[in-house]
Amino acid sequence: MFKEEDFKKLGENVIFEDNVLVFHPENIEIGNNVYIGHNTILKGYYNNNMSIGDHTWIGQNCFIHSAGRITIGKCVGIGPMVKILTSQHKGDNIKIPVLFTELSTKEVVLEDGCDIGIGSIILPGITVGEGAIVGAGSVVTKDVEPYTIAAGVPARLLKYR
């Protein structure tokens, strides 16, 4: 459970639908006029911030994990069931289970006005440029340039907007 005062910053007119889970709200900043759909998990992290800009819409059943920091700009659309990851286990040492190998973290940035399609996965270290569109079901393994449309597994440039 979380309360408004638990957040690092919580703007006006923020809507949390039913069953939203929030971890480490003390490291989460949310702007004004933000919608967060039901069953979404905002997985703040103990030593890095999650920042969500004004007028952003986050669909239901999303998983946003900010171990490596997440910056979501203004007027961003994040479709239902999107997963955004900022960490991964390196798995270098084959003598130990992957789970116990070193954790690598990299920031994810979703620039102003971009849109992430339903069911997409954004991997650590990715920047989705201003006004870009990521098509439904994509796995984003490389940066997406501003004002482009990318889709697929892995996501690739389809065209310029």
C-alpha atoms as a PDB file:
ATOM      1  CA  MET A   1       0.000   0.000   0.000  1.00  0.00           C
ATOM      2  CA  PHE A   2       1.157   3.524  -0.644  1.00  0.00           C
ATOM      3  CA  LYS A   3       0.042   7.033   0.238  1.00  0.00           C
ATOM      4  CA  GLU A   4       0.479  10.303  -1.649  1.00  0.00           C
ATOM      5  CA  GLU A   5       3.052  11.527   0.832  1.00  0.00           C
ATOM      6  CA  ASP A   6       5.222   8.448   0.208  1.00  0.00           C
ATOM      7  CA  PHE A   7       6.274   9.690  -3.242  1.00  0.00           C
ATOM      8  CA  LYS A   8       9.332  11.808  -3.961  1.00  0.00           C
ATOM      9  CA  LYS A   9       6.932  13.942  -6.022  1.00  0.00           C
ATOM     10  CA  LEU A  10       3.289  13.420  -6.920  1.00  0.00           C
ATOM     11  CA  GLY A  11       1.595  15.943  -9.189  1.00  0.00           C
ATOM     12  CA  GLU A  12      -2.049  16.929  -9.420  1.00  0.00           C
ATOM     13  CA  ASN A  13      -4.714  14.764 -11.041  1.00  0.00           C
ATOM     14  CA  VAL A  14      -2.755  11.504 -10.913  1.00  0.00           C
ATOM     15  CA  ILE A  15      -5.060   8.520 -11.326  1.00  0.00           C
ATOM     16  CA  PHE A  16      -4.072   5.125  -9.961  1.00  0.00           C
ATOM     17  CA  GLU A  17      -6.540   2.467 -11.113  1.00  0.00           C
ATOM     18  CA  ASP A  18      -7.286  -0.556  -8.903  1.00  0.00           C
ATOM     19  CA  ASN A  19      -4.497  -2.919  -7.920  1.00  0.00           C
ATOM     20  CA  VAL A  20      -1.569  -0.704  -8.969  1.00  0.00           C
ATOM     21  CA  LEU A  21       1.516  -1.802  -7.027  1.00  0.00           C
ATOM     22  CA  VAL A  22       4.223   0.700  -6.134  1.00  0.00           C
ATOM     23  CA  PHE A  23       7.618  -0.175  -4.688  1.00  0.00           C
ATOM     24  CA  HIS A  24      10.035   2.444  -3.294  1.00  0.00           C
ATOM     25  CA  PRO A  25       7.694   5.403  -3.907  1.00  0.00           C
ATOM     26  CA  GLU A  26      10.287   7.604  -2.192  1.00  0.00           C
ATOM     27  CA  ASN A  27      12.287   7.341  -5.445  1.00  0.00           C
ATOM     28  CA  ILE A  28       9.372   7.948  -7.827  1.00  0.00           C
ATOM     29  CA  GLU A  29       8.425  11.340  -9.276  1.00  0.00           C
ATOM     30  CA  ILE A  30       5.101  11.641 -11.108  1.00  0.00           C
ATOM     31  CA  GLY A  31       3.978  14.821 -12.890  1.00  0.00           C
ATOM     32  CA  ASN A  32       0.499  16.253 -13.394  1.00  0.00           C
ATOM     33  CA  ASN A  33      -2.384  14.591 -15.244  1.00  0.00           C
ATOM     34  CA  VAL A  34      -0.934  11.083 -15.285  1.00  0.00           C
ATOM     35  CA  TYR A  35      -3.039   7.928 -15.658  1.00  0.00           C
ATOM     36  CA  ILE A  36      -1.755   4.563 -14.423  1.00  0.00           C
ATOM     37  CA  GLY A  37      -3.880   1.578 -15.427  1.00  0.00           C
ATOM     38  CA  HIS A  38      -5.004  -1.249 -13.181  1.00  0.00           C
ATOM     39  CA  ASN A  39      -2.606  -4.043 -12.232  1.00  0.00           C
ATOM     40  CA  THR A  40       0.418  -2.004 -13.293  1.00  0.00           C
ATOM     41  CA  ILE A  41       3.592  -2.383 -11.249  1.00  0.00           C
ATOM     42  CA  LEU A  42       5.823   0.656 -10.724  1.00  0.00           C
ATOM     43  CA  LYS A  43       8.897  -1.060  -9.369  1.00  0.00           C
ATOM     44  CA  GLY A  44      10.908   1.771  -7.918  1.00  0.00           C
ATOM     45  CA  TYR A  45      14.377   0.878  -6.760  1.00  0.00           C
ATOM     46  CA  TYR A  46      16.235   1.684  -3.572  1.00  0.00           C
ATOM     47  CA  ASN A  47      19.044   3.670  -5.244  1.00  0.00           C
ATOM     48  CA  ASN A  48      17.683   5.015  -8.552  1.00  0.00           C
ATOM     49  CA  ASN A  49      14.790   7.218  -9.606  1.00  0.00           C
ATOM     50  CA  MET A  50      11.754   6.730 -11.777  1.00  0.00           C
ATOM     51  CA  SER A  51      10.454   9.942 -13.306  1.00  0.00           C
ATOM     52  CA  ILE A  52       7.108  10.129 -15.144  1.00  0.00           C
ATOM     53  CA  GLY A  53       6.312  13.393 -16.933  1.00  0.00           C
ATOM     54  CA  ASP A  54       3.072  15.374 -17.188  1.00  0.00           C
ATOM     55  CA  HIS A  55       0.152  14.136 -19.318  1.00  0.00           C
ATOM     56  CA  THR A  56       1.476  10.572 -19.564  1.00  0.00           C
ATOM     57  CA  TRP A  57      -0.808   7.561 -19.979  1.00  0.00           C
ATOM     58  CA  ILE A  58       0.307   4.128 -18.756  1.00  0.00           C
ATOM     59  CA  GLY A  59      -1.992   1.259 -19.662  1.00  0.00           C
ATOM     60  CA  GLN A  60      -3.067  -1.676 -17.556  1.00  0.00           C
ATOM     61  CA  ASN A  61      -0.839  -4.618 -16.631  1.00  0.00           C
ATOM     62  CA  CYS A  62       2.456  -2.802 -17.289  1.00  0.00           C
ATOM     63  CA  PHE A  63       5.718  -3.610 -15.497  1.00  0.00           C
ATOM     64  CA  ILE A  64       8.180  -0.742 -15.127  1.00  0.00           C
ATOM     65  CA  HIS A  65      11.394  -1.544 -13.232  1.00  0.00           C
ATOM     66  CA  SER A  66      13.820   1.272 -12.451  1.00  0.00           C
ATOM     67  CA  ALA A  67      16.937  -0.443 -11.089  1.00  0.00           C
ATOM     68  CA  GLY A  68      18.959   1.491 -13.684  1.00  0.00           C
ATOM     69  CA  ARG A  69      16.762   4.619 -13.659  1.00  0.00           C
ATOM     70  CA  ILE A  70      13.816   5.420 -15.905  1.00  0.00           C
ATOM     71  CA  THR A  71      12.968   8.817 -17.333  1.00  0.00           C
ATOM     72  CA  ILE A  72       9.565   9.037 -19.022  1.00  0.00           C
ATOM     73  CA  GLY A  73       8.947  12.393 -20.673  1.00  0.00           C
ATOM     74  CA  LYS A  74       5.777  14.434 -21.081  1.00  0.00           C
ATOM     75  CA  CYS A  75       2.789  13.291 -23.125  1.00  0.00           C
ATOM     76  CA  VAL A  76       4.050   9.717 -23.445  1.00  0.00           C
ATOM     77  CA  GLY A  77       1.682   6.839 -24.206  1.00  0.00           C
ATOM     78  CA  ILE A  78       2.566   3.408 -22.845  1.00  0.00           C
ATOM     79  CA  GLY A  79       0.193   0.695 -24.017  1.00  0.00           C
ATOM     80  CA  PRO A  80      -1.193  -2.111 -21.897  1.00  0.00           C
ATOM     81  CA  MET A  81       1.141  -4.967 -20.936  1.00  0.00           C
ATOM     82  CA  VAL A  82       4.336  -3.053 -21.786  1.00  0.00           C
ATOM     83  CA  LYS A  83       7.463  -4.154 -19.914  1.00  0.00           C
ATOM     84  CA  ILE A  84      10.345  -1.755 -19.319  1.00  0.00           C
ATOM     85  CA  LEU A  85      13.525  -3.203 -17.843  1.00  0.00           C
ATOM     86  CA  THR A  86      16.671  -1.415 -16.702  1.00  0.00           C
ATOM     87  CA  SER A  87      18.695  -4.342 -15.391  1.00  0.00           C
ATOM     88  CA  GLN A  88      19.902  -7.762 -16.380  1.00  0.00           C
ATOM     89  CA  HIS A  89      22.180 -10.400 -14.933  1.00  0.00           C
ATOM     90  CA  LYS A  90      25.439 -10.661 -16.840  1.00  0.00           C
ATOM     91  CA  GLY A  91      25.625 -14.434 -16.596  1.00  0.00           C
ATOM     92  CA  ASP A  92      29.379 -14.357 -17.234  1.00  0.00           C
ATOM     93  CA  ASN A  93      30.416 -17.001 -14.740  1.00  0.00           C
ATOM     94  CA  ILE A  94      29.025 -20.354 -15.874  1.00  0.00           C
ATOM     95  CA  LYS A  95      29.954 -21.944 -12.545  1.00  0.00           C
ATOM     96  CA  ILE A  96      27.142 -20.171 -10.729  1.00  0.00           C
ATOM     97  CA  PRO A  97      23.437 -19.783 -11.482  1.00  0.00           C
ATOM     98  CA  VAL A  98      22.650 -16.753 -13.682  1.00  0.00           C
ATOM     99  CA  LEU A  99      20.507 -15.339 -10.871  1.00  0.00           C
ATOM    100  CA  PHE A 100      23.629 -14.941  -8.720  1.00  0.00           C
ATOM    101  CA  THR A 101      25.819 -13.280 -11.354  1.00  0.00           C
ATOM    102  CA  GLU A 102      26.536  -9.554 -11.355  1.00  0.00           C
ATOM    103  CA  LEU A 103      23.602  -7.253 -12.083  1.00  0.00           C
ATOM    104  CA  SER A 104      24.122  -4.733 -14.873  1.00  0.00           C
ATOM    105  CA  THR A 105      21.910  -1.614 -14.875  1.00  0.00           C
ATOM    106  CA  LYS A 106      21.325   0.916 -17.659  1.00  0.00           C
ATOM    107  CA  GLU A 107      18.925   3.854 -17.835  1.00  0.00           C
ATOM    108  CA  VAL A 108      15.878   3.814 -20.111  1.00  0.00           C
ATOM    109  CA  VAL A 109      14.612   7.119 -21.522  1.00  0.00           C
ATOM    110  CA  LEU A 110      11.249   7.617 -23.226  1.00  0.00           C
ATOM    111  CA  GLU A 111      11.378  11.124 -24.687  1.00  0.00           C
ATOM    112  CA  ASP A 112       8.435  13.525 -24.904  1.00  0.00           C
ATOM    113  CA  GLY A 113       5.508  12.537 -27.085  1.00  0.00           C
ATOM    114  CA  CYS A 114       6.598   8.999 -27.926  1.00  0.00           C
ATOM    115  CA  ASP A 115       4.187   6.066 -27.919  1.00  0.00           C
ATOM    116  CA  ILE A 116       4.900   2.456 -26.941  1.00  0.00           C
ATOM    117  CA  GLY A 117       2.521  -0.130 -28.418  1.00  0.00           C
ATOM    118  CA  ILE A 118       0.697  -2.824 -26.470  1.00  0.00           C
ATOM    119  CA  GLY A 119       2.805  -5.714 -25.246  1.00  0.00           C
ATOM    120  CA  SER A 120       6.155  -4.211 -26.209  1.00  0.00           C
ATOM    121  CA  ILE A 121       9.342  -4.812 -24.240  1.00  0.00           C
ATOM    122  CA  ILE A 122      11.954  -2.091 -23.775  1.00  0.00           C
ATOM    123  CA  LEU A 123      15.361  -3.480 -22.763  1.00  0.00           C
ATOM    124  CA  PRO A 124      18.006  -1.798 -20.559  1.00  0.00           C
ATOM    125  CA  GLY A 125      19.878   1.206 -21.942  1.00  0.00           C
ATOM    126  CA  ILE A 126      17.317   2.136 -24.603  1.00  0.00           C
ATOM    127  CA  THR A 127      16.238   5.641 -25.589  1.00  0.00           C
ATOM    128  CA  VAL A 128      12.997   6.017 -27.529  1.00  0.00           C
ATOM    129  CA  GLY A 129      13.221   9.399 -29.218  1.00  0.00           C
ATOM    130  CA  GLU A 130      10.774  12.282 -29.154  1.00  0.00           C
ATOM    131  CA  GLY A 131       7.604  11.585 -31.097  1.00  0.00           C
ATOM    132  CA  ALA A 132       8.674   8.040 -32.033  1.00  0.00           C
ATOM    133  CA  ILE A 133       6.220   5.127 -32.240  1.00  0.00           C
ATOM    134  CA  VAL A 134       7.066   1.580 -31.167  1.00  0.00           C
ATOM    135  CA  GLY A 135       4.660  -0.910 -32.748  1.00  0.00           C
ATOM    136  CA  ALA A 136       2.674  -3.439 -30.749  1.00  0.00           C
ATOM    137  CA  GLY A 137       4.530  -6.525 -29.556  1.00  0.00           C
ATOM    138  CA  SER A 138       7.985  -5.162 -30.355  1.00  0.00           C
ATOM    139  CA  VAL A 139      11.179  -5.996 -28.491  1.00  0.00           C
ATOM    140  CA  VAL A 140      13.324  -2.874 -28.480  1.00  0.00           C
ATOM    141  CA  THR A 141      17.025  -3.761 -28.379  1.00  0.00           C
ATOM    142  CA  LYS A 142      18.422  -0.560 -29.962  1.00  0.00           C
ATOM    143  CA  ASP A 143      17.605   3.128 -29.614  1.00  0.00           C
ATOM    144  CA  VAL A 144      14.639   4.406 -31.631  1.00  0.00           C
ATOM    145  CA  GLU A 145      15.307   7.710 -33.385  1.00  0.00           C
ATOM    146  CA  PRO A 146      12.971  10.685 -32.893  1.00  0.00           C
ATOM    147  CA  TYR A 147       9.905  10.808 -35.156  1.00  0.00           C
ATOM    148  CA  THR A 148      10.345   7.299 -36.504  1.00  0.00           C
ATOM    149  CA  ILE A 149       8.185   4.179 -36.414  1.00  0.00           C
ATOM    150  CA  ALA A 150       9.883   0.975 -35.300  1.00  0.00           C
ATOM    151  CA  ALA A 151       8.368  -2.471 -34.870  1.00  0.00           C
ATOM    152  CA  GLY A 152       9.208  -6.151 -34.798  1.00  0.00           C
ATOM    153  CA  VAL A 153      11.312  -8.628 -32.889  1.00  0.00           C
ATOM    154  CA  PRO A 154      13.802  -7.160 -32.662  1.00  0.00           C
ATOM    155  CA  ALA A 155      12.337  -3.734 -33.410  1.00  0.00           C
ATOM    156  CA  ARG A 156      13.655  -2.092 -36.561  1.00  0.00           C
ATOM    157  CA  LEU A 157      13.008   1.141 -38.398  1.00  0.00           C
ATOM    158  CA  LEU A 158       9.933   0.962 -40.599  1.00  0.00           C
ATOM    159  CA  LYS A 159       9.656   4.592 -41.655  1.00  0.00           C
ATOM    160  CA  TYR A 160       9.940   8.210 -40.673  1.00  0.00           C
ATOM    161  CA  ARG A 161       6.858  10.040 -39.452  1.00  0.00           C
END
